[in-house]
């Protein structure tokens, strides 16, 4: 409710980015136990949006190439990838320094993993963490976007989505 309430009314917004931020806030909490505030989520959601948009464009193109960034595209993606990697490292370091003490989450499972008897290498741990956090986040953001678009086009459904007693059912159905 709080995140939706902060969406600007009467202004054009980037719905993909706004829903990506909301999905990221909840994914970070559920998967990593990290409670992102809106400002921090914006700093992570924007680079994520750029990387996902670039990858989607490469995958959607007619070229059979693997979506690798070389040359100018690599330079353009580098700061976005660095912001995401920095966030992952921050979350990992924080968890190692202070375990949650609550029910284990995905980050705990990654930290406890011992393939071939050894902990995951830092780069592999970061890669897995970002893959899990960001891959599902885009589809969740798209579902949220379409739920809002549908509700905006159907006033009776908007009332359901806006009513706290019905919002959970509306989102679950979506």
Protein backbone atom coordinates (compact mmCIF):
# COMPACT_ATOMS: atom_id res chain seq x y z
CA UNK A 1 0.00 0.00 0.00
CA UNK A 2 2.77 2.42 0.97
CA UNK A 3 4.67 1.91 -2.28
CA UNK A 4 1.59 2.31 -4.47
CA UNK A 5 0.61 5.42 -2.48
CA UNK A 6 3.95 7.02 -3.42
CA UNK A 7 3.34 6.71 -7.16
CA UNK A 8 2.72 10.19 -8.57
CA UNK A 9 -0.83 10.94 -9.67
CA UNK A 10 -1.50 13.01 -12.79
CA UNK A 11 2.06 12.59 -14.12
CA UNK A 12 3.56 10.27 -16.68
CA UNK A 13 5.82 7.69 -15.05
CA UNK A 14 7.99 4.83 -16.22
CA UNK A 15 5.70 2.04 -15.03
CA UNK A 16 8.32 -0.67 -15.67
CA UNK A 17 10.81 1.14 -13.47
CA UNK A 18 8.27 1.93 -10.73
CA UNK A 19 7.01 -1.67 -10.58
CA UNK A 20 10.60 -2.94 -10.80
CA UNK A 21 11.42 -0.91 -7.70
CA UNK A 22 8.41 -2.29 -5.82
CA UNK A 23 9.18 -5.88 -6.87
CA UNK A 24 12.83 -5.37 -5.89
CA UNK A 25 11.88 -4.14 -2.41
CA UNK A 26 9.87 -7.28 -1.76
CA UNK A 27 12.28 -9.68 -3.46
CA UNK A 28 15.19 -8.32 -1.39
CA UNK A 29 13.14 -8.79 1.76
CA UNK A 30 11.87 -12.31 0.99
CA UNK A 31 15.01 -13.76 -0.60
CA UNK A 32 17.72 -11.91 1.29
CA UNK A 33 16.11 -10.59 4.45
CA UNK A 34 17.15 -7.08 3.37
CA UNK A 35 14.63 -4.30 3.97
CA UNK A 36 15.36 -1.76 1.26
CA UNK A 37 13.99 1.72 1.66
CA UNK A 38 12.55 3.47 -1.39
CA UNK A 39 15.65 5.57 -2.09
CA UNK A 40 18.05 2.63 -1.92
CA UNK A 41 15.70 0.55 -4.06
CA UNK A 42 15.68 3.32 -6.69
CA UNK A 43 19.50 3.22 -6.80
CA UNK A 44 19.36 -0.51 -7.54
CA UNK A 45 16.20 -0.66 -9.68
CA UNK A 46 17.46 1.87 -12.24
CA UNK A 47 20.64 -0.09 -13.13
CA UNK A 48 18.63 -3.31 -13.09
CA UNK A 49 16.13 -1.79 -15.51
CA UNK A 50 18.93 -0.71 -17.85
CA UNK A 51 20.61 -4.14 -17.84
CA UNK A 52 17.33 -6.06 -18.31
CA UNK A 53 16.24 -3.73 -21.13
CA UNK A 54 19.58 -4.20 -22.88
CA UNK A 55 19.52 -8.00 -22.50
CA UNK A 56 15.89 -8.17 -23.67
CA UNK A 57 16.80 -6.14 -26.75
CA UNK A 58 19.69 -8.46 -27.55
CA UNK A 59 17.64 -11.60 -27.01
CA UNK A 60 14.76 -10.18 -29.03
CA UNK A 61 16.98 -9.24 -31.98
CA UNK A 62 17.31 -11.48 -35.00
CA UNK A 63 21.00 -12.09 -34.39
CA UNK A 64 21.83 -15.48 -32.90
CA UNK A 65 24.59 -14.00 -30.74
CA UNK A 66 24.75 -14.54 -27.01
CA UNK A 67 23.93 -11.21 -25.30
CA UNK A 68 27.47 -10.16 -24.41
CA UNK A 69 28.49 -6.56 -24.00
CA UNK A 70 31.64 -5.56 -25.85
CA UNK A 71 33.02 -2.19 -26.82
CA UNK A 72 30.69 0.75 -26.35
CA UNK A 73 27.74 -1.36 -25.02
CA UNK A 74 30.09 -2.86 -22.41
CA UNK A 75 31.20 0.59 -21.30
CA UNK A 76 27.55 1.66 -21.06
CA UNK A 77 26.57 -1.41 -19.00
CA UNK A 78 29.63 -1.38 -16.72
CA UNK A 79 28.34 1.18 -14.17
CA UNK A 80 24.94 -0.56 -14.03
CA UNK A 81 26.54 -3.97 -13.44
CA UNK A 82 28.87 -2.42 -10.83
CA UNK A 83 25.92 -0.96 -8.90
CA UNK A 84 24.20 -4.35 -8.81
CA UNK A 85 27.40 -6.16 -7.82
CA UNK A 86 28.06 -3.59 -5.09
CA UNK A 87 24.58 -4.18 -3.65
CA UNK A 88 25.07 -7.97 -3.67
CA UNK A 89 28.45 -7.65 -1.93
CA UNK A 90 26.95 -5.31 0.67
CA UNK A 91 24.12 -7.75 1.47
CA UNK A 92 26.52 -10.72 1.66
CA UNK A 93 28.97 -8.86 3.92
CA UNK A 94 26.16 -7.67 6.20
CA UNK A 95 24.76 -11.21 6.56
CA UNK A 96 28.16 -12.71 7.27
CA UNK A 97 28.80 -10.08 9.94
CA UNK A 98 25.38 -10.48 11.53
CA UNK A 99 23.27 -13.58 10.78
CA UNK A 100 19.53 -12.96 10.92
CA UNK A 101 18.71 -15.57 13.55
CA UNK A 102 15.32 -16.07 11.87
CA UNK A 103 14.16 -18.78 9.49
CA UNK A 104 16.81 -19.37 6.80
CA UNK A 105 16.28 -17.61 3.47
CA UNK A 106 17.86 -17.97 0.02
CA UNK A 107 20.95 -16.01 1.02
CA UNK A 108 21.50 -18.33 3.99
CA UNK A 109 21.25 -21.33 1.64
CA UNK A 110 23.80 -19.82 -0.74
CA UNK A 111 26.18 -19.04 2.12
CA UNK A 112 25.79 -22.58 3.50
CA UNK A 113 26.29 -24.26 0.10
CA UNK A 114 29.40 -26.41 -0.12
CA UNK A 115 29.82 -27.71 -3.65
CA UNK A 116 32.77 -30.11 -3.71
CA UNK A 117 33.15 -29.48 0.03
CA UNK A 118 34.06 -25.78 -0.34
CA UNK A 119 32.02 -22.59 0.03
CA UNK A 120 31.03 -20.78 -3.14
CA UNK A 121 33.72 -18.49 -4.50
CA UNK A 122 32.79 -14.79 -3.96
CA UNK A 123 32.19 -14.13 -7.67
CA UNK A 124 29.99 -17.21 -8.02
CA UNK A 125 28.08 -16.36 -4.84
CA UNK A 126 27.44 -12.84 -6.14
CA UNK A 127 26.41 -14.18 -9.54
CA UNK A 128 23.92 -16.64 -8.04
CA UNK A 129 22.55 -14.01 -5.69
CA UNK A 130 21.98 -11.48 -8.47
CA UNK A 131 20.56 -14.12 -10.80
CA UNK A 132 17.97 -15.17 -8.24
CA UNK A 133 17.14 -11.65 -7.13
CA UNK A 134 16.89 -10.00 -10.52
CA UNK A 135 15.65 -12.71 -12.89
CA UNK A 136 12.31 -13.21 -11.18
CA UNK A 137 12.01 -9.56 -10.34
CA UNK A 138 11.36 -8.50 -13.93
CA UNK A 139 8.43 -10.90 -14.38
CA UNK A 140 6.95 -9.82 -11.04
CA UNK A 141 7.27 -6.17 -12.05
CA UNK A 142 5.56 -6.89 -15.38
CA UNK A 143 2.69 -8.66 -13.60
CA UNK A 144 2.27 -5.70 -11.23
CA UNK A 145 2.29 -3.29 -14.17
CA UNK A 146 -0.42 -5.18 -16.01
CA UNK A 147 -2.49 -5.49 -12.83
CA UNK A 148 -2.44 -1.69 -12.50
CA UNK A 149 -3.16 -1.14 -16.19
CA UNK A 150 -6.12 -3.52 -16.00
CA UNK A 151 -7.43 -1.93 -12.79
CA UNK A 152 -7.09 1.56 -14.30
CA UNK A 153 -9.18 0.50 -17.30
CA UNK A 154 -11.88 -1.13 -15.13
CA UNK A 155 -13.03 1.10 -12.26
CA UNK A 156 -14.71 -1.75 -10.36
CA UNK A 157 -11.38 -3.62 -10.32
CA UNK A 158 -9.53 -0.45 -9.28
CA UNK A 159 -11.82 -0.26 -6.27
CA UNK A 160 -10.92 -3.88 -5.44
CA UNK A 161 -7.20 -3.20 -5.81
CA UNK A 162 -7.38 -0.03 -3.69
CA UNK A 163 -9.44 -1.60 -0.88
CA UNK A 164 -7.05 -3.12 1.72
CA UNK A 165 -9.48 -5.97 2.40
CA UNK A 166 -9.63 -6.92 -1.29
CA UNK A 167 -6.14 -5.90 -2.47
CA UNK A 168 -4.52 -9.16 -1.44
CA UNK A 169 -7.14 -11.15 -3.38
CA UNK A 170 -6.71 -8.89 -6.42
CA UNK A 171 -2.93 -9.27 -6.41
CA UNK A 172 -3.13 -13.01 -5.75
CA UNK A 173 -5.48 -13.41 -8.71
CA UNK A 174 -3.09 -11.39 -10.86
